[in-house]
Amino acid sequence: MLLGVHREVERRDRLKEDPMETLIGVFASRKRAEETVRELLDKHVPQEVVFPMLELSPSERSSEESKFSGEAWTERPSLILVRTDQQEIARLAADILDRMGISAQWRTSTGIKIASRQVGGIAIVDAHGAITVGMGNMMLRDIVTSLLKEGNKKLLLNLREVEYIDSAGLGELVKTHTTLERQGGQLKIVNINQKVQDLFKLTGLHKVFDVHENEADAIQSFGSAKLR
């Protein structure tokens, strides 16, 4: 299902030049997602920016992926995609998506620090804290944009110190992936904790992102890649 979200994000980025905020909410059931859509509309989030997605089918999830924070799912999880160029709408939508979604139970931090370094022609982005709406996702976007302008097309995102990713952070990761892909580059991710790993598996993002367990292997994996 996230492959469909990935394609939708890419399509809409091509249609509109203005920076867009992308939010991805993950919900334990269709009912919870439907309740969230109603609340989004009740809080005056424009209907045209809200895109409810179908649930994951059983074939898209393994028994391991059907668990999150140690609890088995009783229903198929659902996603909601929100795409807007208005910061106020993005913040409002993110608050609702994250409060109603599954990640609310493991939110532990709101601060973010992001720095970059170079190793053998690869730009490594080290993130610390939480990738969330506003400061978090915008800082990640700014540093990726700056690295691309400098000609860096091999980016390794180190999430070792990232404790929490909200709906905006998840959307920003997908947008970063599509941006690099469109410009002939590559994004790889390394050192994700168990919560983020579970979130990636649950949403299907583990099939979109190239995720590695350690930095050395991730750096070596760029060696065989031919970039345009």
N, C-alpha and C. Protein backbone atom coordinates (compact mmCIF):
# COMPACT_ATOMS: atom_id res chain seq x y z
N MET A 1 0.82 -1.22 0.00
CA MET A 1 0.00 0.00 0.00
C MET A 1 0.85 1.26 0.00
N LEU A 2 2.00 1.24 0.73
CA LEU A 2 2.84 2.43 0.75
C LEU A 2 3.50 2.68 -0.59
N LEU A 3 3.61 1.63 -1.40
CA LEU A 3 4.10 1.86 -2.76
C LEU A 3 3.14 2.78 -3.49
N GLY A 4 1.84 2.61 -3.23
CA GLY A 4 0.83 3.49 -3.83
C GLY A 4 0.95 4.89 -3.29
N VAL A 5 1.20 5.04 -1.99
CA VAL A 5 1.40 6.36 -1.40
C VAL A 5 2.63 7.02 -2.00
N HIS A 6 3.70 6.25 -2.16
CA HIS A 6 4.93 6.76 -2.75
C HIS A 6 4.67 7.32 -4.14
N ARG A 7 3.92 6.58 -4.96
CA ARG A 7 3.62 7.05 -6.31
C ARG A 7 2.72 8.28 -6.28
N GLU A 8 1.78 8.33 -5.33
CA GLU A 8 0.88 9.47 -5.23
C GLU A 8 1.64 10.73 -4.84
N VAL A 9 2.57 10.60 -3.90
CA VAL A 9 3.40 11.74 -3.48
C VAL A 9 4.22 12.23 -4.66
N GLU A 10 4.83 11.31 -5.40
CA GLU A 10 5.65 11.69 -6.55
C GLU A 10 4.80 12.39 -7.61
N ARG A 11 3.61 11.87 -7.88
CA ARG A 11 2.75 12.46 -8.90
C ARG A 11 2.36 13.88 -8.52
N ARG A 12 1.98 14.09 -7.28
CA ARG A 12 1.53 15.42 -6.85
C ARG A 12 2.68 16.40 -6.75
N ASP A 13 3.87 15.94 -6.42
CA ASP A 13 5.04 16.83 -6.42
C ASP A 13 5.33 17.34 -7.83
N ARG A 14 5.11 16.50 -8.83
CA ARG A 14 5.36 16.91 -10.20
C ARG A 14 4.30 17.89 -10.69
N LEU A 15 3.09 17.77 -10.16
CA LEU A 15 2.01 18.64 -10.60
C LEU A 15 2.10 20.03 -10.00
N LYS A 16 2.75 20.15 -8.83
CA LYS A 16 2.77 21.44 -8.14
C LYS A 16 4.18 21.81 -7.74
N GLU A 17 4.60 23.02 -8.06
CA GLU A 17 5.96 23.46 -7.78
C GLU A 17 6.13 23.89 -6.33
N ASP A 18 5.08 24.45 -5.70
CA ASP A 18 5.20 24.95 -4.34
C ASP A 18 5.50 23.81 -3.38
N PRO A 19 6.28 24.09 -2.31
CA PRO A 19 6.58 23.07 -1.31
C PRO A 19 5.29 22.54 -0.69
N MET A 20 5.19 21.24 -0.62
CA MET A 20 4.01 20.60 -0.05
C MET A 20 4.38 19.85 1.21
N GLU A 21 3.51 19.93 2.20
CA GLU A 21 3.66 19.11 3.39
C GLU A 21 2.95 17.78 3.15
N THR A 22 3.63 16.69 3.42
CA THR A 22 3.07 15.35 3.26
C THR A 22 2.98 14.69 4.62
N LEU A 23 1.79 14.24 5.00
CA LEU A 23 1.57 13.58 6.27
C LEU A 23 0.97 12.21 6.03
N ILE A 24 1.45 11.21 6.76
CA ILE A 24 0.93 9.85 6.63
C ILE A 24 0.53 9.36 8.02
N GLY A 25 -0.76 9.20 8.24
CA GLY A 25 -1.27 8.68 9.50
C GLY A 25 -1.53 7.19 9.39
N VAL A 26 -1.17 6.44 10.42
CA VAL A 26 -1.35 4.99 10.45
C VAL A 26 -2.32 4.63 11.56
N PHE A 27 -3.32 3.82 11.23
CA PHE A 27 -4.41 3.54 12.17
C PHE A 27 -4.67 2.05 12.31
N ALA A 28 -5.09 1.65 13.50
CA ALA A 28 -5.24 0.24 13.81
C ALA A 28 -6.39 -0.42 13.05
N SER A 29 -7.34 0.36 12.55
CA SER A 29 -8.49 -0.22 11.87
C SER A 29 -9.12 0.80 10.93
N ARG A 30 -9.96 0.31 10.04
CA ARG A 30 -10.69 1.19 9.14
C ARG A 30 -11.60 2.12 9.95
N LYS A 31 -12.23 1.58 11.00
CA LYS A 31 -13.14 2.38 11.82
C LYS A 31 -12.40 3.57 12.42
N ARG A 32 -11.20 3.32 12.97
CA ARG A 32 -10.42 4.40 13.56
C ARG A 32 -10.04 5.43 12.51
N ALA A 33 -9.68 4.97 11.31
CA ALA A 33 -9.33 5.88 10.23
C ALA A 33 -10.53 6.72 9.81
N GLU A 34 -11.71 6.10 9.75
CA GLU A 34 -12.92 6.84 9.38
C GLU A 34 -13.26 7.89 10.42
N GLU A 35 -13.06 7.57 11.70
CA GLU A 35 -13.29 8.54 12.77
C GLU A 35 -12.32 9.72 12.62
N THR A 36 -11.11 9.41 12.23
CA THR A 36 -10.09 10.45 12.06
C THR A 36 -10.43 11.36 10.88
N VAL A 37 -10.90 10.79 9.79
CA VAL A 37 -11.31 11.60 8.64
C VAL A 37 -12.43 12.55 9.05
N ARG A 38 -13.40 12.06 9.80
CA ARG A 38 -14.51 12.92 10.26
C ARG A 38 -13.98 14.06 11.12
N GLU A 39 -13.03 13.75 12.01
CA GLU A 39 -12.49 14.81 12.87
C GLU A 39 -11.69 15.83 12.05
N LEU A 40 -10.93 15.35 11.08
CA LEU A 40 -10.19 16.27 10.21
C LEU A 40 -11.13 17.25 9.53
N LEU A 41 -12.23 16.73 8.99
CA LEU A 41 -13.20 17.59 8.29
C LEU A 41 -13.94 18.49 9.27
N ASP A 42 -14.25 17.97 10.46
CA ASP A 42 -14.93 18.79 11.48
C ASP A 42 -14.05 19.96 11.93
N LYS A 43 -12.72 19.74 11.91
CA LYS A 43 -11.78 20.79 12.32
C LYS A 43 -11.37 21.67 11.13
N HIS A 44 -12.10 21.53 10.03
CA HIS A 44 -11.93 22.38 8.85
C HIS A 44 -10.64 22.13 8.08
N VAL A 45 -10.14 20.90 8.13
CA VAL A 45 -9.10 20.50 7.19
C VAL A 45 -9.80 20.25 5.86
N PRO A 46 -9.42 20.94 4.78
CA PRO A 46 -10.13 20.82 3.50
C PRO A 46 -10.21 19.37 3.00
N GLN A 47 -11.37 18.99 2.57
CA GLN A 47 -11.57 17.61 2.11
C GLN A 47 -10.66 17.26 0.95
N GLU A 48 -10.32 18.26 0.12
CA GLU A 48 -9.52 17.97 -1.07
C GLU A 48 -8.07 17.64 -0.76
N VAL A 49 -7.63 17.84 0.49
CA VAL A 49 -6.25 17.51 0.84
C VAL A 49 -6.15 16.21 1.63
N VAL A 50 -7.28 15.56 1.88
CA VAL A 50 -7.33 14.34 2.69
C VAL A 50 -7.57 13.15 1.76
N PHE A 51 -6.69 12.15 1.85
CA PHE A 51 -6.79 10.99 0.97
C PHE A 51 -6.75 9.70 1.79
N PRO A 52 -7.91 9.18 2.20
CA PRO A 52 -7.93 7.90 2.91
C PRO A 52 -7.45 6.79 1.98
N MET A 53 -6.61 5.89 2.52
CA MET A 53 -6.09 4.79 1.73
C MET A 53 -6.73 3.49 2.17
N LEU A 54 -6.73 2.48 1.30
CA LEU A 54 -7.27 1.18 1.64
C LEU A 54 -6.39 0.48 2.66
N GLU A 55 -6.98 -0.50 3.38
CA GLU A 55 -6.20 -1.24 4.36
C GLU A 55 -5.18 -2.12 3.67
N LEU A 56 -4.15 -2.50 4.44
CA LEU A 56 -3.21 -3.50 3.96
C LEU A 56 -3.92 -4.83 3.86
N SER A 57 -3.70 -5.53 2.78
CA SER A 57 -4.29 -6.86 2.63
C SER A 57 -3.45 -7.87 3.40
N PRO A 58 -4.01 -9.02 3.76
CA PRO A 58 -3.24 -10.02 4.49
C PRO A 58 -1.97 -10.43 3.76
N SER A 59 -1.99 -10.45 2.42
CA SER A 59 -0.80 -10.84 1.66
C SER A 59 0.32 -9.83 1.76
N GLU A 60 0.00 -8.60 2.16
CA GLU A 60 1.02 -7.55 2.26
C GLU A 60 1.66 -7.52 3.64
N ARG A 61 1.14 -8.32 4.57
CA ARG A 61 1.64 -8.29 5.93
C ARG A 61 2.02 -9.69 6.37
N SER A 62 3.15 -9.84 6.98
CA SER A 62 3.52 -11.09 7.60
C SER A 62 2.99 -11.09 9.02
N SER A 63 3.05 -12.25 9.68
CA SER A 63 2.59 -12.30 11.07
C SER A 63 3.44 -11.40 11.95
N GLU A 64 4.72 -11.25 11.57
CA GLU A 64 5.60 -10.37 12.33
C GLU A 64 5.18 -8.92 12.17
N GLU A 65 4.71 -8.55 10.95
CA GLU A 65 4.30 -7.18 10.68
C GLU A 65 2.96 -6.85 11.30
N SER A 66 2.24 -7.88 11.72
CA SER A 66 0.91 -7.64 12.27
C SER A 66 0.95 -7.27 13.73
N LYS A 67 2.15 -7.03 14.25
CA LYS A 67 2.28 -6.64 15.65
C LYS A 67 2.92 -5.27 15.75
N PHE A 68 2.50 -4.52 16.74
CA PHE A 68 3.10 -3.21 16.97
C PHE A 68 3.09 -2.97 18.46
N SER A 69 4.26 -2.68 19.04
CA SER A 69 4.41 -2.52 20.48
C SER A 69 3.92 -3.75 21.23
N GLY A 70 4.13 -4.93 20.65
CA GLY A 70 3.81 -6.16 21.34
C GLY A 70 2.37 -6.56 21.30
N GLU A 71 1.52 -5.83 20.61
CA GLU A 71 0.10 -6.15 20.58
C GLU A 71 -0.29 -6.59 19.17
N ALA A 72 -1.04 -7.71 19.08
CA ALA A 72 -1.47 -8.19 17.77
C ALA A 72 -2.64 -7.37 17.26
N TRP A 73 -2.68 -7.15 15.95
CA TRP A 73 -3.78 -6.41 15.35
C TRP A 73 -5.00 -7.31 15.24
N THR A 74 -6.16 -6.79 15.56
CA THR A 74 -7.40 -7.53 15.39
C THR A 74 -8.05 -7.18 14.06
N GLU A 75 -7.62 -6.07 13.44
CA GLU A 75 -8.10 -5.67 12.13
C GLU A 75 -6.93 -5.21 11.27
N ARG A 76 -7.18 -5.05 9.99
CA ARG A 76 -6.14 -4.56 9.11
C ARG A 76 -5.90 -3.07 9.35
N PRO A 77 -4.64 -2.64 9.44
CA PRO A 77 -4.36 -1.21 9.62
C PRO A 77 -4.72 -0.41 8.38
N SER A 78 -5.02 0.86 8.57
CA SER A 78 -5.38 1.76 7.48
C SER A 78 -4.48 2.99 7.52
N LEU A 79 -4.37 3.67 6.38
CA LEU A 79 -3.57 4.88 6.27
C LEU A 79 -4.42 6.05 5.81
N ILE A 80 -4.00 7.25 6.21
CA ILE A 80 -4.58 8.48 5.68
C ILE A 80 -3.43 9.37 5.23
N LEU A 81 -3.50 9.83 3.99
CA LEU A 81 -2.50 10.74 3.43
C LEU A 81 -3.10 12.14 3.38
N VAL A 82 -2.35 13.11 3.89
CA VAL A 82 -2.75 14.52 3.82
C VAL A 82 -1.64 15.28 3.09
N ARG A 83 -2.03 16.06 2.08
CA ARG A 83 -1.07 16.85 1.29
C ARG A 83 -1.55 18.29 1.21
N THR A 84 -0.76 19.21 1.76
CA THR A 84 -1.15 20.61 1.77
C THR A 84 0.07 21.50 1.71
N ASP A 85 -0.11 22.72 1.15
CA ASP A 85 0.98 23.69 1.14
C ASP A 85 0.79 24.75 2.22
N GLN A 86 -0.16 24.53 3.11
CA GLN A 86 -0.43 25.48 4.19
C GLN A 86 0.06 24.91 5.52
N GLN A 87 1.00 25.63 6.15
CA GLN A 87 1.59 25.16 7.40
C GLN A 87 0.55 25.00 8.51
N GLU A 88 -0.38 25.92 8.60
CA GLU A 88 -1.38 25.83 9.67
C GLU A 88 -2.24 24.58 9.51
N ILE A 89 -2.63 24.29 8.28
CA ILE A 89 -3.41 23.08 8.01
C ILE A 89 -2.58 21.84 8.32
N ALA A 90 -1.30 21.86 7.95
CA ALA A 90 -0.43 20.72 8.20
C ALA A 90 -0.29 20.44 9.69
N ARG A 91 -0.11 21.50 10.46
CA ARG A 91 0.03 21.33 11.92
C ARG A 91 -1.26 20.79 12.53
N LEU A 92 -2.38 21.33 12.11
CA LEU A 92 -3.68 20.88 12.61
C LEU A 92 -3.91 19.41 12.26
N ALA A 93 -3.66 19.07 11.01
CA ALA A 93 -3.86 17.69 10.56
C ALA A 93 -2.91 16.73 11.28
N ALA A 94 -1.65 17.14 11.44
CA ALA A 94 -0.67 16.28 12.11
C ALA A 94 -1.08 15.99 13.55
N ASP A 95 -1.59 17.01 14.23
CA ASP A 95 -2.03 16.82 15.61
C ASP A 95 -3.13 15.77 15.69
N ILE A 96 -4.07 15.83 14.76
CA ILE A 96 -5.18 14.87 14.76
C ILE A 96 -4.70 13.47 14.35
N LEU A 97 -3.92 13.40 13.28
CA LEU A 97 -3.43 12.10 12.81
C LEU A 97 -2.61 11.39 13.88
N ASP A 98 -1.77 12.14 14.57
CA ASP A 98 -0.88 11.52 15.56
C ASP A 98 -1.61 11.18 16.85
N ARG A 99 -2.59 11.98 17.20
CA ARG A 99 -3.37 11.68 18.41
C ARG A 99 -4.26 10.46 18.21
N MET A 100 -4.79 10.32 17.01
CA MET A 100 -5.70 9.21 16.72
C MET A 100 -4.97 7.96 16.23
N GLY A 101 -3.73 8.12 15.78
CA GLY A 101 -3.00 7.02 15.16
C GLY A 101 -2.23 6.16 16.15
N ILE A 102 -1.56 5.13 15.61
CA ILE A 102 -0.91 4.16 16.47
C ILE A 102 0.36 4.69 17.14
N SER A 103 1.02 5.68 16.54
CA SER A 103 2.30 6.13 17.07
C SER A 103 2.17 6.97 18.33
N ALA A 104 0.94 7.35 18.71
CA ALA A 104 0.74 8.18 19.89
C ALA A 104 1.28 7.51 21.15
N GLN A 105 1.24 6.17 21.17
CA GLN A 105 1.63 5.44 22.37
C GLN A 105 3.14 5.45 22.63
N TRP A 106 3.95 5.78 21.61
CA TRP A 106 5.39 5.75 21.86
C TRP A 106 6.07 7.08 21.63
N ARG A 107 5.29 8.16 21.65
CA ARG A 107 5.90 9.49 21.53
C ARG A 107 6.60 9.86 22.83
N THR A 108 7.91 10.13 22.73
CA THR A 108 8.69 10.42 23.93
C THR A 108 9.46 11.73 23.84
N SER A 109 9.57 12.31 22.65
CA SER A 109 10.42 13.49 22.48
C SER A 109 9.85 14.38 21.39
N THR A 110 10.11 15.68 21.51
CA THR A 110 9.65 16.61 20.48
C THR A 110 10.79 17.41 19.86
N GLY A 111 12.00 17.37 20.48
CA GLY A 111 13.13 18.14 19.96
C GLY A 111 13.83 17.40 18.83
N ILE A 112 14.60 18.15 18.03
CA ILE A 112 15.32 17.54 16.91
C ILE A 112 16.63 18.28 16.67
N LYS A 113 17.68 17.51 16.40
CA LYS A 113 18.96 18.06 15.97
C LYS A 113 19.38 17.27 14.74
N ILE A 114 19.82 17.98 13.70
CA ILE A 114 20.23 17.33 12.47
C ILE A 114 21.56 17.92 12.01
N ALA A 115 22.50 17.06 11.67
CA ALA A 115 23.80 17.49 11.17
C ALA A 115 24.21 16.57 10.03
N SER A 116 25.14 17.05 9.20
CA SER A 116 25.60 16.22 8.09
C SER A 116 27.11 16.13 8.11
N ARG A 117 27.61 15.05 7.51
CA ARG A 117 29.04 14.83 7.38
C ARG A 117 29.28 14.06 6.08
N GLN A 118 30.52 14.08 5.63
CA GLN A 118 30.87 13.42 4.37
C GLN A 118 31.80 12.25 4.64
N VAL A 119 31.50 11.11 4.04
CA VAL A 119 32.37 9.93 4.13
C VAL A 119 32.49 9.34 2.73
N GLY A 120 33.65 9.49 2.12
CA GLY A 120 33.88 8.89 0.81
C GLY A 120 32.89 9.29 -0.26
N GLY A 121 32.52 10.56 -0.31
CA GLY A 121 31.59 11.04 -1.32
C GLY A 121 30.13 10.78 -1.00
N ILE A 122 29.88 10.29 0.19
CA ILE A 122 28.50 10.04 0.63
C ILE A 122 28.15 11.04 1.72
N ALA A 123 27.01 11.69 1.58
CA ALA A 123 26.54 12.63 2.60
C ALA A 123 25.74 11.86 3.64
N ILE A 124 26.20 11.90 4.87
CA ILE A 124 25.51 11.20 5.96
C ILE A 124 24.79 12.24 6.81
N VAL A 125 23.50 12.05 6.97
CA VAL A 125 22.67 12.96 7.77
C VAL A 125 22.36 12.28 9.09
N ASP A 126 22.86 12.84 10.19
CA ASP A 126 22.62 12.30 11.53
C ASP A 126 21.47 13.06 12.18
N ALA A 127 20.42 12.33 12.52
CA ALA A 127 19.26 12.95 13.18
C ALA A 127 19.18 12.49 14.62
N HIS A 128 18.85 13.43 15.51
CA HIS A 128 18.73 13.13 16.93
C HIS A 128 17.40 13.68 17.45
N GLY A 129 16.62 12.85 18.11
CA GLY A 129 15.37 13.33 18.72
C GLY A 129 14.15 12.80 18.01
N ALA A 130 13.30 13.72 17.54
CA ALA A 130 12.03 13.34 16.92
C ALA A 130 11.84 14.07 15.61
N ILE A 131 11.43 13.34 14.57
CA ILE A 131 11.13 13.96 13.28
C ILE A 131 9.62 14.19 13.25
N THR A 132 9.23 15.44 13.52
CA THR A 132 7.82 15.76 13.68
C THR A 132 7.45 17.00 12.86
N VAL A 133 6.16 17.28 12.79
CA VAL A 133 5.67 18.40 12.01
C VAL A 133 6.28 19.72 12.50
N GLY A 134 6.62 20.59 11.56
CA GLY A 134 7.20 21.89 11.92
C GLY A 134 8.71 21.83 11.90
N MET A 135 9.32 21.95 13.06
CA MET A 135 10.77 22.01 13.16
C MET A 135 11.44 20.76 12.62
N GLY A 136 10.95 19.59 13.01
CA GLY A 136 11.61 18.34 12.64
C GLY A 136 11.63 18.06 11.16
N ASN A 137 10.45 18.02 10.54
CA ASN A 137 10.42 17.67 9.11
C ASN A 137 11.00 18.78 8.24
N MET A 138 10.85 20.05 8.68
CA MET A 138 11.40 21.14 7.90
C MET A 138 12.93 21.18 7.97
N MET A 139 13.51 20.85 9.13
CA MET A 139 14.97 20.79 9.24
C MET A 139 15.53 19.69 8.36
N LEU A 140 14.86 18.54 8.33
CA LEU A 140 15.31 17.46 7.46
C LEU A 140 15.21 17.89 6.00
N ARG A 141 14.11 18.52 5.63
CA ARG A 141 13.92 18.98 4.26
C ARG A 141 15.00 19.99 3.87
N ASP A 142 15.29 20.93 4.77
CA ASP A 142 16.28 21.98 4.47
C ASP A 142 17.67 21.39 4.24
N ILE A 143 18.06 20.45 5.10
CA ILE A 143 19.41 19.91 4.97
C ILE A 143 19.53 19.03 3.72
N VAL A 144 18.47 18.31 3.38
CA VAL A 144 18.48 17.50 2.15
C VAL A 144 18.54 18.41 0.93
N THR A 145 17.74 19.49 0.94
CA THR A 145 17.76 20.45 -0.18
C THR A 145 19.14 21.06 -0.35
N SER A 146 19.76 21.43 0.77
CA SER A 146 21.10 22.03 0.72
C SER A 146 22.12 21.04 0.17
N LEU A 147 22.05 19.79 0.60
CA LEU A 147 22.99 18.79 0.12
C LEU A 147 22.82 18.53 -1.38
N LEU A 148 21.58 18.52 -1.84
CA LEU A 148 21.32 18.31 -3.26
C LEU A 148 21.86 19.48 -4.09
N LYS A 149 21.69 20.70 -3.60
CA LYS A 149 22.21 21.87 -4.31
C LYS A 149 23.72 21.83 -4.41
N GLU A 150 24.37 21.19 -3.44
CA GLU A 150 25.83 21.07 -3.45
C GLU A 150 26.30 19.91 -4.32
N GLY A 151 25.35 19.20 -4.92
CA GLY A 151 25.70 18.11 -5.83
C GLY A 151 25.74 16.73 -5.21
N ASN A 152 25.31 16.63 -3.96
CA ASN A 152 25.29 15.32 -3.30
C ASN A 152 24.06 14.52 -3.74
N LYS A 153 24.30 13.35 -4.29
CA LYS A 153 23.19 12.50 -4.71
C LYS A 153 23.18 11.14 -4.01
N LYS A 154 24.17 10.94 -3.14
CA LYS A 154 24.21 9.73 -2.32
C LYS A 154 24.00 10.16 -0.86
N LEU A 155 22.81 9.93 -0.34
CA LEU A 155 22.47 10.35 1.01
C LEU A 155 22.18 9.15 1.90
N LEU A 156 22.79 9.14 3.05
CA LEU A 156 22.56 8.11 4.06
C LEU A 156 21.98 8.76 5.30
N LEU A 157 20.77 8.38 5.65
CA LEU A 157 20.08 8.95 6.80
C LEU A 157 20.27 8.04 8.00
N ASN A 158 20.99 8.56 9.00
CA ASN A 158 21.29 7.80 10.22
C ASN A 158 20.25 8.14 11.29
N LEU A 159 19.41 7.15 11.62
CA LEU A 159 18.33 7.37 12.58
C LEU A 159 18.60 6.73 13.94
N ARG A 160 19.86 6.49 14.25
CA ARG A 160 20.20 5.82 15.50
C ARG A 160 19.61 6.53 16.72
N GLU A 161 19.64 7.86 16.71
CA GLU A 161 19.19 8.62 17.87
C GLU A 161 17.77 9.17 17.72
N VAL A 162 17.04 8.69 16.72
CA VAL A 162 15.67 9.15 16.52
C VAL A 162 14.72 8.29 17.34
N GLU A 163 13.97 8.93 18.24
CA GLU A 163 13.09 8.22 19.15
C GLU A 163 11.66 8.13 18.63
N TYR A 164 11.28 9.08 17.77
CA TYR A 164 9.87 9.17 17.37
C TYR A 164 9.75 9.80 16.00
N ILE A 165 8.86 9.27 15.18
CA ILE A 165 8.55 9.83 13.87
C ILE A 165 7.03 9.98 13.77
N ASP A 166 6.54 11.21 13.57
CA ASP A 166 5.09 11.39 13.49
C ASP A 166 4.64 11.31 12.04
N SER A 167 3.38 11.64 11.79
CA SER A 167 2.81 11.54 10.44
C SER A 167 3.54 12.43 9.44
N ALA A 168 3.96 13.63 9.89
CA ALA A 168 4.69 14.54 9.01
C ALA A 168 6.10 14.02 8.74
N GLY A 169 6.73 13.45 9.76
CA GLY A 169 8.05 12.88 9.59
C GLY A 169 8.05 11.71 8.63
N LEU A 170 7.04 10.86 8.77
CA LEU A 170 6.92 9.71 7.86
C LEU A 170 6.72 10.19 6.42
N GLY A 171 5.87 11.20 6.27
CA GLY A 171 5.66 11.76 4.94
C GLY A 171 6.91 12.40 4.37
N GLU A 172 7.69 13.06 5.24
CA GLU A 172 8.92 13.71 4.77
C GLU A 172 9.94 12.68 4.29
N LEU A 173 10.00 11.53 4.95
CA LEU A 173 10.91 10.48 4.50
C LEU A 173 10.53 9.99 3.11
N VAL A 174 9.23 9.80 2.88
CA VAL A 174 8.76 9.37 1.56
C VAL A 174 9.08 10.44 0.52
N LYS A 175 8.85 11.70 0.89
CA LYS A 175 9.11 12.80 -0.05
C LYS A 175 10.60 12.92 -0.35
N THR A 176 11.45 12.72 0.64
CA THR A 176 12.90 12.76 0.43
C THR A 176 13.32 11.66 -0.54
N HIS A 177 12.75 10.47 -0.35
CA HIS A 177 13.05 9.35 -1.23
C HIS A 177 12.66 9.67 -2.68
N THR A 178 11.46 10.21 -2.88
CA THR A 178 10.99 10.50 -4.24
C THR A 178 11.81 11.64 -4.87
N THR A 179 12.19 12.62 -4.06
CA THR A 179 13.00 13.74 -4.57
C THR A 179 14.34 13.25 -5.08
N LEU A 180 15.01 12.44 -4.28
CA LEU A 180 16.31 11.90 -4.70
C LEU A 180 16.18 11.00 -5.91
N GLU A 181 15.17 10.17 -5.91
CA GLU A 181 14.94 9.25 -7.02
C GLU A 181 14.71 10.02 -8.32
N ARG A 182 13.94 11.10 -8.22
CA ARG A 182 13.62 11.91 -9.39
C ARG A 182 14.87 12.61 -9.94
N GLN A 183 15.82 12.92 -9.06
CA GLN A 183 17.03 13.62 -9.48
C GLN A 183 18.19 12.67 -9.76
N GLY A 184 17.87 11.38 -9.82
CA GLY A 184 18.89 10.40 -10.15
C GLY A 184 19.79 10.02 -8.99
N GLY A 185 19.35 10.30 -7.77
CA GLY A 185 20.14 9.98 -6.58
C GLY A 185 19.58 8.80 -5.83
N GLN A 186 20.13 8.57 -4.64
CA GLN A 186 19.68 7.47 -3.80
C GLN A 186 19.63 7.89 -2.34
N LEU A 187 18.62 7.37 -1.65
CA LEU A 187 18.53 7.54 -0.20
C LEU A 187 18.60 6.16 0.44
N LYS A 188 19.46 6.03 1.42
CA LYS A 188 19.52 4.82 2.23
C LYS A 188 19.36 5.21 3.69
N ILE A 189 18.85 4.31 4.48
CA ILE A 189 18.58 4.57 5.89
C ILE A 189 19.29 3.54 6.74
N VAL A 190 19.84 3.97 7.87
CA VAL A 190 20.59 3.07 8.72
C VAL A 190 20.25 3.30 10.19
N ASN A 191 20.43 2.25 11.00
CA ASN A 191 20.32 2.33 12.46
C ASN A 191 18.93 2.74 12.95
N ILE A 192 17.88 2.12 12.43
CA ILE A 192 16.54 2.41 12.94
C ILE A 192 16.26 1.56 14.17
N ASN A 193 15.56 2.14 15.15
CA ASN A 193 15.22 1.37 16.34
C ASN A 193 14.03 0.45 16.06
N GLN A 194 13.68 -0.35 17.04
CA GLN A 194 12.64 -1.36 16.82
C GLN A 194 11.29 -0.73 16.52
N LYS A 195 10.98 0.38 17.18
CA LYS A 195 9.69 1.04 16.95
C LYS A 195 9.58 1.54 15.51
N VAL A 196 10.63 2.19 15.02
CA VAL A 196 10.63 2.68 13.65
C VAL A 196 10.60 1.52 12.67
N GLN A 197 11.34 0.46 12.99
CA GLN A 197 11.34 -0.73 12.13
C GLN A 197 9.93 -1.32 12.03
N ASP A 198 9.24 -1.40 13.17
CA ASP A 198 7.87 -1.92 13.18
C ASP A 198 6.95 -1.04 12.34
N LEU A 199 7.14 0.27 12.45
CA LEU A 199 6.31 1.22 11.70
C LEU A 199 6.55 1.07 10.20
N PHE A 200 7.80 0.92 9.81
CA PHE A 200 8.13 0.71 8.40
C PHE A 200 7.49 -0.57 7.88
N LYS A 201 7.58 -1.64 8.65
CA LYS A 201 7.01 -2.92 8.21
C LYS A 201 5.50 -2.85 8.14
N LEU A 202 4.91 -2.22 9.14
CA LEU A 202 3.45 -2.13 9.19
C LEU A 202 2.89 -1.38 7.99
N THR A 203 3.57 -0.32 7.58
CA THR A 203 3.09 0.51 6.47
C THR A 203 3.60 0.04 5.11
N GLY A 204 4.56 -0.87 5.10
CA GLY A 204 5.13 -1.33 3.84
C GLY A 204 6.31 -0.50 3.37
N LEU A 205 6.75 0.47 4.19
CA LEU A 205 7.87 1.32 3.78
C LEU A 205 9.19 0.55 3.73
N HIS A 206 9.26 -0.59 4.39
CA HIS A 206 10.48 -1.40 4.32
C HIS A 206 10.69 -1.90 2.89
N LYS A 207 9.63 -1.88 2.07
CA LYS A 207 9.75 -2.27 0.66
C LYS A 207 10.13 -1.08 -0.23
N VAL A 208 9.99 0.13 0.31
CA VAL A 208 10.32 1.34 -0.44
C VAL A 208 11.74 1.80 -0.13
N PHE A 209 12.08 1.82 1.17
CA PHE A 209 13.39 2.30 1.59
C PHE A 209 14.44 1.19 1.57
N ASP A 210 15.68 1.59 1.33
CA ASP A 210 16.83 0.69 1.43
C ASP A 210 17.41 0.87 2.83
N VAL A 211 17.07 -0.06 3.73
CA VAL A 211 17.43 0.07 5.14
C VAL A 211 18.57 -0.90 5.48
N HIS A 212 19.57 -0.39 6.21
CA HIS A 212 20.73 -1.20 6.61
C HIS A 212 20.89 -1.19 8.12
N GLU A 213 21.54 -2.23 8.62
CA GLU A 213 21.71 -2.37 10.06
C GLU A 213 22.87 -1.55 10.60
N ASN A 214 23.92 -1.36 9.79
CA ASN A 214 25.07 -0.61 10.27
C ASN A 214 25.61 0.30 9.17
N GLU A 215 26.33 1.31 9.60
CA GLU A 215 26.80 2.35 8.68
C GLU A 215 27.79 1.82 7.66
N ALA A 216 28.68 0.93 8.07
CA ALA A 216 29.70 0.42 7.16
C ALA A 216 29.06 -0.31 5.97
N ASP A 217 28.08 -1.15 6.25
CA ASP A 217 27.40 -1.88 5.18
C ASP A 217 26.63 -0.93 4.28
N ALA A 218 26.00 0.07 4.90
CA ALA A 218 25.22 1.04 4.11
C ALA A 218 26.13 1.81 3.16
N ILE A 219 27.30 2.25 3.65
CA ILE A 219 28.24 2.99 2.81
C ILE A 219 28.74 2.11 1.68
N GLN A 220 29.06 0.87 1.99
CA GLN A 220 29.56 -0.05 0.97
C GLN A 220 28.52 -0.31 -0.11
N SER A 221 27.23 -0.29 0.28
CA SER A 221 26.17 -0.59 -0.69
C SER A 221 26.06 0.47 -1.76
N PHE A 222 26.56 1.68 -1.51
CA PHE A 222 26.53 2.73 -2.53
C PHE A 222 27.54 2.43 -3.65
N GLY A 223 28.53 1.61 -3.35
CA GLY A 223 29.63 1.40 -4.29
C GLY A 223 29.22 0.84 -5.63
N SER A 224 28.23 -0.06 -5.61
CA SER A 224 27.81 -0.71 -6.86
C SER A 224 26.71 0.05 -7.57
N ALA A 225 26.23 1.14 -6.95
CA ALA A 225 25.12 1.89 -7.54
C ALA A 225 25.63 2.85 -8.61
N LYS A 226 25.00 2.85 -9.76
CA LYS A 226 25.35 3.78 -10.83
C LYS A 226 24.32 4.89 -10.87
N LEU A 227 24.75 6.10 -10.53
CA LEU A 227 23.83 7.23 -10.50
C LEU A 227 23.93 8.00 -11.80
N ARG A 228 22.78 8.51 -12.24
CA ARG A 228 22.74 9.28 -13.48
C ARG A 228 23.46 10.60 -13.29
